[in-house]
């Protein structure tokens, strides 16, 4: 049984007086432990598809199966890392990383113990008491990844997380992302427009066609 499966995912968007088909029936099977890179031309619906898998958008047709069961909303088993990080600038790094744990009612001491592992993994320990606005873009993305991993999701969804980074920082984080995947064995869906990036990271590559994507 696939860890995650999408069947005939369709998504329409209204544009002025007519309707655009962003996704024209996307089928995808993702096995447990896969690192699947989603590639395709700009505007083909890769990010929309990822948001649908995350439960942040609703498809107009089709279904998503997680461990063989339909899912229609967000859930802790599917956590998303956004291109811009989406961190809380008024919170320090450690508080950002622990935010989901706090919302889940995890006691403070336990939160600190759990977050320490991922702060260490993402080389953020020295910055735990810094505010995120004091960090570089690359460091903020490290925080965003740590915040996602700390929730121990079954599937990590990443929407072009390195697109805004300079080439040197991006290459470094690509290597680190490989090491993280090898350590955690997480199932990952990773959106990118960079074919070389997909070739380096992915155990599988899913290629989206021009809109409407299939």
C-alpha atoms as a PDB file:
ATOM      1  CA  UNK A   1       0.000   0.000   0.000  1.00  0.00           C
ATOM      2  CA  UNK A   2       1.284   3.467  -0.895  1.00  0.00           C
ATOM      3  CA  UNK A   3       1.990   5.852   1.971  1.00  0.00           C
ATOM      4  CA  UNK A   4       0.336   8.648   0.017  1.00  0.00           C
ATOM      5  CA  UNK A   5      -1.707   8.427  -3.154  1.00  0.00           C
ATOM      6  CA  UNK A   6      -3.579  10.989  -5.212  1.00  0.00           C
ATOM      7  CA  UNK A   7      -6.227   9.942  -7.714  1.00  0.00           C
ATOM      8  CA  UNK A   8      -7.406  12.262 -10.469  1.00  0.00           C
ATOM      9  CA  UNK A   9      -6.750  15.545  -8.657  1.00  0.00           C
ATOM     10  CA  UNK A  10      -8.451  18.401 -10.530  1.00  0.00           C
ATOM     11  CA  UNK A  11      -8.317  22.092  -9.617  1.00  0.00           C
ATOM     12  CA  UNK A  12      -9.994  25.047 -11.350  1.00  0.00           C
ATOM     13  CA  UNK A  13      -9.391  28.756 -10.826  1.00  0.00           C
ATOM     14  CA  UNK A  14     -11.660  31.574 -11.932  1.00  0.00           C
ATOM     15  CA  UNK A  15      -9.907  34.124 -14.134  1.00  0.00           C
ATOM     16  CA  UNK A  16     -12.004  37.149 -15.096  1.00  0.00           C
ATOM     17  CA  UNK A  17     -14.932  35.710 -17.073  1.00  0.00           C
ATOM     18  CA  UNK A  18     -13.601  32.201 -17.612  1.00  0.00           C
ATOM     19  CA  UNK A  19     -12.239  29.235 -15.718  1.00  0.00           C
ATOM     20  CA  UNK A  20      -8.665  27.962 -15.834  1.00  0.00           C
ATOM     21  CA  UNK A  21      -7.825  24.329 -15.235  1.00  0.00           C
ATOM     22  CA  UNK A  22      -4.667  24.253 -13.120  1.00  0.00           C
ATOM     23  CA  UNK A  23      -4.616  20.510 -12.493  1.00  0.00           C
ATOM     24  CA  UNK A  24      -6.221  18.203 -15.018  1.00  0.00           C
ATOM     25  CA  UNK A  25      -6.264  14.900 -13.138  1.00  0.00           C
ATOM     26  CA  UNK A  26      -3.010  14.232 -11.293  1.00  0.00           C
ATOM     27  CA  UNK A  27      -2.284  10.665 -10.176  1.00  0.00           C
ATOM     28  CA  UNK A  28       0.686  10.031  -7.904  1.00  0.00           C
ATOM     29  CA  UNK A  29       1.799   7.176  -5.669  1.00  0.00           C
ATOM     30  CA  UNK A  30       4.372   7.803  -2.955  1.00  0.00           C
ATOM     31  CA  UNK A  31       5.835   4.905  -0.991  1.00  0.00           C
ATOM     32  CA  UNK A  32       7.015   5.130   2.607  1.00  0.00           C
ATOM     33  CA  UNK A  33      10.497   6.674   2.715  1.00  0.00           C
ATOM     34  CA  UNK A  34      10.395   8.059  -0.833  1.00  0.00           C
ATOM     35  CA  UNK A  35      11.969  11.438  -1.590  1.00  0.00           C
ATOM     36  CA  UNK A  36       9.796  12.569  -4.500  1.00  0.00           C
ATOM     37  CA  UNK A  37      10.699  15.750  -6.371  1.00  0.00           C
ATOM     38  CA  UNK A  38       7.918  17.469  -8.311  1.00  0.00           C
ATOM     39  CA  UNK A  39       9.259  19.355 -11.326  1.00  0.00           C
ATOM     40  CA  UNK A  40       7.643  21.201 -14.193  1.00  0.00           C
ATOM     41  CA  UNK A  41       7.344  24.620 -15.855  1.00  0.00           C
ATOM     42  CA  UNK A  42       6.363  27.702 -13.860  1.00  0.00           C
ATOM     43  CA  UNK A  43       2.626  27.995 -13.377  1.00  0.00           C
ATOM     44  CA  UNK A  44       1.907  24.316 -14.017  1.00  0.00           C
ATOM     45  CA  UNK A  45       0.307  23.780 -10.607  1.00  0.00           C
ATOM     46  CA  UNK A  46       3.071  22.071  -8.598  1.00  0.00           C
ATOM     47  CA  UNK A  47       2.596  24.282  -5.546  1.00  0.00           C
ATOM     48  CA  UNK A  48      -1.193  24.092  -5.839  1.00  0.00           C
ATOM     49  CA  UNK A  49      -0.944  20.309  -5.878  1.00  0.00           C
ATOM     50  CA  UNK A  50       1.272  20.339  -2.778  1.00  0.00           C
ATOM     51  CA  UNK A  51      -1.174  22.622  -0.939  1.00  0.00           C
ATOM     52  CA  UNK A  52      -4.000  20.230  -1.823  1.00  0.00           C
ATOM     53  CA  UNK A  53      -1.999  17.299  -0.439  1.00  0.00           C
ATOM     54  CA  UNK A  54      -1.387  19.347   2.725  1.00  0.00           C
ATOM     55  CA  UNK A  55      -5.117  20.016   3.063  1.00  0.00           C
ATOM     56  CA  UNK A  56      -4.682  23.773   2.643  1.00  0.00           C
ATOM     57  CA  UNK A  57      -6.734  23.793  -0.570  1.00  0.00           C
ATOM     58  CA  UNK A  58      -9.635  21.641  -1.711  1.00  0.00           C
ATOM     59  CA  UNK A  59      -9.557  19.838  -5.069  1.00  0.00           C
ATOM     60  CA  UNK A  60     -12.532  20.216  -7.389  1.00  0.00           C
ATOM     61  CA  UNK A  61     -12.341  16.514  -8.138  1.00  0.00           C
ATOM     62  CA  UNK A  62     -10.274  13.500  -7.143  1.00  0.00           C
ATOM     63  CA  UNK A  63      -9.135  12.180  -3.788  1.00  0.00           C
ATOM     64  CA  UNK A  64      -6.091  11.916  -1.543  1.00  0.00           C
ATOM     65  CA  UNK A  65      -5.376   8.691   0.318  1.00  0.00           C
ATOM     66  CA  UNK A  66      -3.040   8.487   3.294  1.00  0.00           C
ATOM     67  CA  UNK A  67      -2.236   4.913   4.301  1.00  0.00           C
ATOM     68  CA  UNK A  68      -5.208   3.929   2.171  1.00  0.00           C
ATOM     69  CA  UNK A  69      -7.677   6.230   3.940  1.00  0.00           C
ATOM     70  CA  UNK A  70      -9.188   9.402   2.393  1.00  0.00           C
ATOM     71  CA  UNK A  71      -8.042  12.748   3.847  1.00  0.00           C
ATOM     72  CA  UNK A  72      -9.712  16.093   3.170  1.00  0.00           C
ATOM     73  CA  UNK A  73      -8.235  18.445   5.784  1.00  0.00           C
ATOM     74  CA  UNK A  74      -4.880  19.336   7.301  1.00  0.00           C
ATOM     75  CA  UNK A  75      -3.316  16.875   9.723  1.00  0.00           C
ATOM     76  CA  UNK A  76      -0.166  16.440  11.835  1.00  0.00           C
ATOM     77  CA  UNK A  77       0.955  13.571   9.599  1.00  0.00           C
ATOM     78  CA  UNK A  78       1.474  16.059   6.721  1.00  0.00           C
ATOM     79  CA  UNK A  79       3.546  19.143   7.558  1.00  0.00           C
ATOM     80  CA  UNK A  80       4.502  21.805   5.020  1.00  0.00           C
ATOM     81  CA  UNK A  81       7.619  23.960   4.671  1.00  0.00           C
ATOM     82  CA  UNK A  82       6.871  27.093   2.647  1.00  0.00           C
ATOM     83  CA  UNK A  83       9.154  28.939   0.250  1.00  0.00           C
ATOM     84  CA  UNK A  84       9.197  32.038   2.450  1.00  0.00           C
ATOM     85  CA  UNK A  85       9.572  30.159   5.745  1.00  0.00           C
ATOM     86  CA  UNK A  86       6.402  31.609   7.352  1.00  0.00           C
ATOM     87  CA  UNK A  87       8.065  32.075  10.743  1.00  0.00           C
ATOM     88  CA  UNK A  88       6.899  34.232  13.656  1.00  0.00           C
ATOM     89  CA  UNK A  89       9.297  37.225  13.830  1.00  0.00           C
ATOM     90  CA  UNK A  90       8.263  38.089  17.409  1.00  0.00           C
ATOM     91  CA  UNK A  91       9.393  34.651  18.641  1.00  0.00           C
ATOM     92  CA  UNK A  92      12.937  33.442  19.162  1.00  0.00           C
ATOM     93  CA  UNK A  93      14.314  30.545  17.146  1.00  0.00           C
ATOM     94  CA  UNK A  94      13.658  27.907  19.806  1.00  0.00           C
ATOM     95  CA  UNK A  95      10.124  29.188  20.393  1.00  0.00           C
ATOM     96  CA  UNK A  96       9.445  29.041  16.646  1.00  0.00           C
ATOM     97  CA  UNK A  97      10.697  25.462  16.487  1.00  0.00           C
ATOM     98  CA  UNK A  98       8.603  24.475  19.516  1.00  0.00           C
ATOM     99  CA  UNK A  99       5.437  26.303  18.443  1.00  0.00           C
ATOM    100  CA  UNK A 100       3.612  23.245  17.103  1.00  0.00           C
ATOM    101  CA  UNK A 101       4.568  21.211  20.161  1.00  0.00           C
ATOM    102  CA  UNK A 102       3.223  23.950  22.415  1.00  0.00           C
ATOM    103  CA  UNK A 103      -0.072  24.042  20.496  1.00  0.00           C
ATOM    104  CA  UNK A 104      -0.262  20.254  20.920  1.00  0.00           C
ATOM    105  CA  UNK A 105      -0.023  20.657  24.692  1.00  0.00           C
ATOM    106  CA  UNK A 106       3.447  19.139  25.108  1.00  0.00           C
ATOM    107  CA  UNK A 107       4.981  20.171  28.490  1.00  0.00           C
ATOM    108  CA  UNK A 108       7.785  22.746  28.410  1.00  0.00           C
ATOM    109  CA  UNK A 109      10.587  20.411  29.537  1.00  0.00           C
ATOM    110  CA  UNK A 110       9.594  17.808  26.970  1.00  0.00           C
ATOM    111  CA  UNK A 111       9.376  20.473  24.246  1.00  0.00           C
ATOM    112  CA  UNK A 112      12.914  21.602  25.024  1.00  0.00           C
ATOM    113  CA  UNK A 113      14.204  18.036  24.899  1.00  0.00           C
ATOM    114  CA  UNK A 114      12.545  17.333  21.548  1.00  0.00           C
ATOM    115  CA  UNK A 115      13.538  20.637  19.953  1.00  0.00           C
ATOM    116  CA  UNK A 116      17.179  20.246  21.005  1.00  0.00           C
ATOM    117  CA  UNK A 117      17.596  17.299  18.637  1.00  0.00           C
ATOM    118  CA  UNK A 118      16.407  19.295  15.638  1.00  0.00           C
ATOM    119  CA  UNK A 119      18.185  22.501  16.602  1.00  0.00           C
ATOM    120  CA  UNK A 120      21.378  20.427  16.670  1.00  0.00           C
ATOM    121  CA  UNK A 121      20.505  18.677  13.402  1.00  0.00           C
ATOM    122  CA  UNK A 122      19.949  22.000  11.611  1.00  0.00           C
ATOM    123  CA  UNK A 123      23.012  23.628  13.246  1.00  0.00           C
ATOM    124  CA  UNK A 124      20.847  26.176  15.049  1.00  0.00           C
ATOM    125  CA  UNK A 125      21.837  25.548  18.674  1.00  0.00           C
ATOM    126  CA  UNK A 126      23.938  28.726  18.912  1.00  0.00           C
ATOM    127  CA  UNK A 127      21.015  30.748  17.543  1.00  0.00           C
ATOM    128  CA  UNK A 128      18.276  29.292  19.766  1.00  0.00           C
ATOM    129  CA  UNK A 129      17.785  32.600  21.605  1.00  0.00           C
ATOM    130  CA  UNK A 130      17.995  34.826  18.521  1.00  0.00           C
ATOM    131  CA  UNK A 131      14.949  36.329  16.847  1.00  0.00           C
ATOM    132  CA  UNK A 132      14.326  35.054  13.342  1.00  0.00           C
ATOM    133  CA  UNK A 133      14.542  38.554  11.834  1.00  0.00           C
ATOM    134  CA  UNK A 134      18.181  38.613  12.953  1.00  0.00           C
ATOM    135  CA  UNK A 135      19.009  35.610  10.758  1.00  0.00           C
ATOM    136  CA  UNK A 136      19.886  35.268   7.090  1.00  0.00           C
ATOM    137  CA  UNK A 137      17.363  33.804   4.658  1.00  0.00           C
ATOM    138  CA  UNK A 138      19.210  30.488   4.666  1.00  0.00           C
ATOM    139  CA  UNK A 139      19.208  30.308   8.453  1.00  0.00           C
ATOM    140  CA  UNK A 140      15.494  31.116   8.562  1.00  0.00           C
ATOM    141  CA  UNK A 141      14.829  28.198   6.238  1.00  0.00           C
ATOM    142  CA  UNK A 142      16.766  25.973   8.620  1.00  0.00           C
ATOM    143  CA  UNK A 143      14.389  27.118  11.368  1.00  0.00           C
ATOM    144  CA  UNK A 144      11.368  26.371   9.179  1.00  0.00           C
ATOM    145  CA  UNK A 145      12.641  22.853   8.436  1.00  0.00           C
ATOM    146  CA  UNK A 146      13.400  22.211  12.117  1.00  0.00           C
ATOM    147  CA  UNK A 147       9.908  23.443  13.059  1.00  0.00           C
ATOM    148  CA  UNK A 148       8.391  20.942  10.632  1.00  0.00           C
ATOM    149  CA  UNK A 149      10.594  17.999  11.637  1.00  0.00           C
ATOM    150  CA  UNK A 150       9.998  18.504  15.349  1.00  0.00           C
ATOM    151  CA  UNK A 151       6.360  17.486  14.822  1.00  0.00           C
ATOM    152  CA  UNK A 152       7.555  14.101  13.520  1.00  0.00           C
ATOM    153  CA  UNK A 153       5.257  14.070  10.471  1.00  0.00           C
ATOM    154  CA  UNK A 154       4.910  10.975   8.316  1.00  0.00           C
ATOM    155  CA  UNK A 155       5.159  13.136   5.192  1.00  0.00           C
ATOM    156  CA  UNK A 156       7.152  16.361   4.843  1.00  0.00           C
ATOM    157  CA  UNK A 157       5.877  18.695   2.116  1.00  0.00           C
ATOM    158  CA  UNK A 158       8.402  21.266   0.848  1.00  0.00           C
ATOM    159  CA  UNK A 159       7.412  24.036  -1.560  1.00  0.00           C
ATOM    160  CA  UNK A 160      10.586  25.325  -3.257  1.00  0.00           C
ATOM    161  CA  UNK A 161      12.235  25.926   0.135  1.00  0.00           C
ATOM    162  CA  UNK A 162      15.588  26.932  -1.381  1.00  0.00           C
ATOM    163  CA  UNK A 163      14.362  29.063  -4.296  1.00  0.00           C
ATOM    164  CA  UNK A 164      15.188  32.404  -2.639  1.00  0.00           C
ATOM    165  CA  UNK A 165      18.703  31.401  -1.568  1.00  0.00           C
ATOM    166  CA  UNK A 166      22.017  32.232  -3.211  1.00  0.00           C
ATOM    167  CA  UNK A 167      23.674  29.382  -5.102  1.00  0.00           C
ATOM    168  CA  UNK A 168      26.294  28.603  -2.449  1.00  0.00           C
ATOM    169  CA  UNK A 169      23.781  28.459   0.416  1.00  0.00           C
ATOM    170  CA  UNK A 170      21.361  26.436  -1.701  1.00  0.00           C
ATOM    171  CA  UNK A 171      24.013  23.837  -2.553  1.00  0.00           C
ATOM    172  CA  UNK A 172      24.958  23.532   1.126  1.00  0.00           C
ATOM    173  CA  UNK A 173      21.346  23.029   2.194  1.00  0.00           C
ATOM    174  CA  UNK A 174      20.790  20.476  -0.565  1.00  0.00           C
ATOM    175  CA  UNK A 175      23.579  18.366   0.909  1.00  0.00           C
ATOM    176  CA  UNK A 176      22.185  18.821   4.414  1.00  0.00           C
ATOM    177  CA  UNK A 177      18.687  17.912   3.225  1.00  0.00           C
ATOM    178  CA  UNK A 178      20.045  14.635   1.868  1.00  0.00           C
ATOM    179  CA  UNK A 179      21.683  13.893   5.219  1.00  0.00           C
ATOM    180  CA  UNK A 180      18.476  14.742   7.099  1.00  0.00           C
ATOM    181  CA  UNK A 181      16.477  12.399   4.877  1.00  0.00           C
ATOM    182  CA  UNK A 182      19.018   9.621   5.440  1.00  0.00           C
ATOM    183  CA  UNK A 183      18.821  10.157   9.225  1.00  0.00           C
ATOM    184  CA  UNK A 184      15.052  10.492   9.555  1.00  0.00           C
ATOM    185  CA  UNK A 185      13.835   8.304   6.647  1.00  0.00           C
ATOM    186  CA  UNK A 186      10.915  10.704   6.232  1.00  0.00           C
ATOM    187  CA  UNK A 187       8.677  10.531   3.200  1.00  0.00           C
ATOM    188  CA  UNK A 188       9.214  13.845   1.381  1.00  0.00           C
ATOM    189  CA  UNK A 189       7.433  15.653  -1.456  1.00  0.00           C
ATOM    190  CA  UNK A 190       9.684  18.446  -2.700  1.00  0.00           C
ATOM    191  CA  UNK A 191       8.561  21.019  -5.264  1.00  0.00           C
ATOM    192  CA  UNK A 192      11.298  22.548  -7.410  1.00  0.00           C
ATOM    193  CA  UNK A 193      11.694  24.089 -10.856  1.00  0.00           C
ATOM    194  CA  UNK A 194      15.376  23.123 -10.802  1.00  0.00           C
ATOM    195  CA  UNK A 195      15.963  19.813 -12.601  1.00  0.00           C
ATOM    196  CA  UNK A 196      19.515  19.510 -11.228  1.00  0.00           C
ATOM    197  CA  UNK A 197      18.162  19.970  -7.703  1.00  0.00           C
ATOM    198  CA  UNK A 198      15.625  17.198  -8.318  1.00  0.00           C
ATOM    199  CA  UNK A 199      18.314  14.886  -9.694  1.00  0.00           C
ATOM    200  CA  UNK A 200      20.484  15.399  -6.609  1.00  0.00           C
ATOM    201  CA  UNK A 201      17.731  14.979  -4.018  1.00  0.00           C
ATOM    202  CA  UNK A 202      15.043  12.723  -5.388  1.00  0.00           C
ATOM    203  CA  UNK A 203      14.710   8.965  -5.227  1.00  0.00           C
ATOM    204  CA  UNK A 204      11.867   9.595  -7.688  1.00  0.00           C
ATOM    205  CA  UNK A 205      10.986  12.552  -9.913  1.00  0.00           C
ATOM    206  CA  UNK A 206       7.409  13.367 -10.967  1.00  0.00           C
ATOM    207  CA  UNK A 207       7.265  15.636 -14.018  1.00  0.00           C
ATOM    208  CA  UNK A 208       4.257  17.947 -14.363  1.00  0.00           C
ATOM    209  CA  UNK A 209       3.121  18.927 -17.850  1.00  0.00           C
ATOM    210  CA  UNK A 210       2.117  22.422 -18.928  1.00  0.00           C
ATOM    211  CA  UNK A 211      -1.245  23.561 -17.533  1.00  0.00           C
ATOM    212  CA  UNK A 212      -3.533  21.702 -17.104  1.00  0.00           C
ATOM    213  CA  UNK A 213      -1.027  19.425 -15.406  1.00  0.00           C
ATOM    214  CA  UNK A 214      -1.306  15.668 -15.428  1.00  0.00           C
END
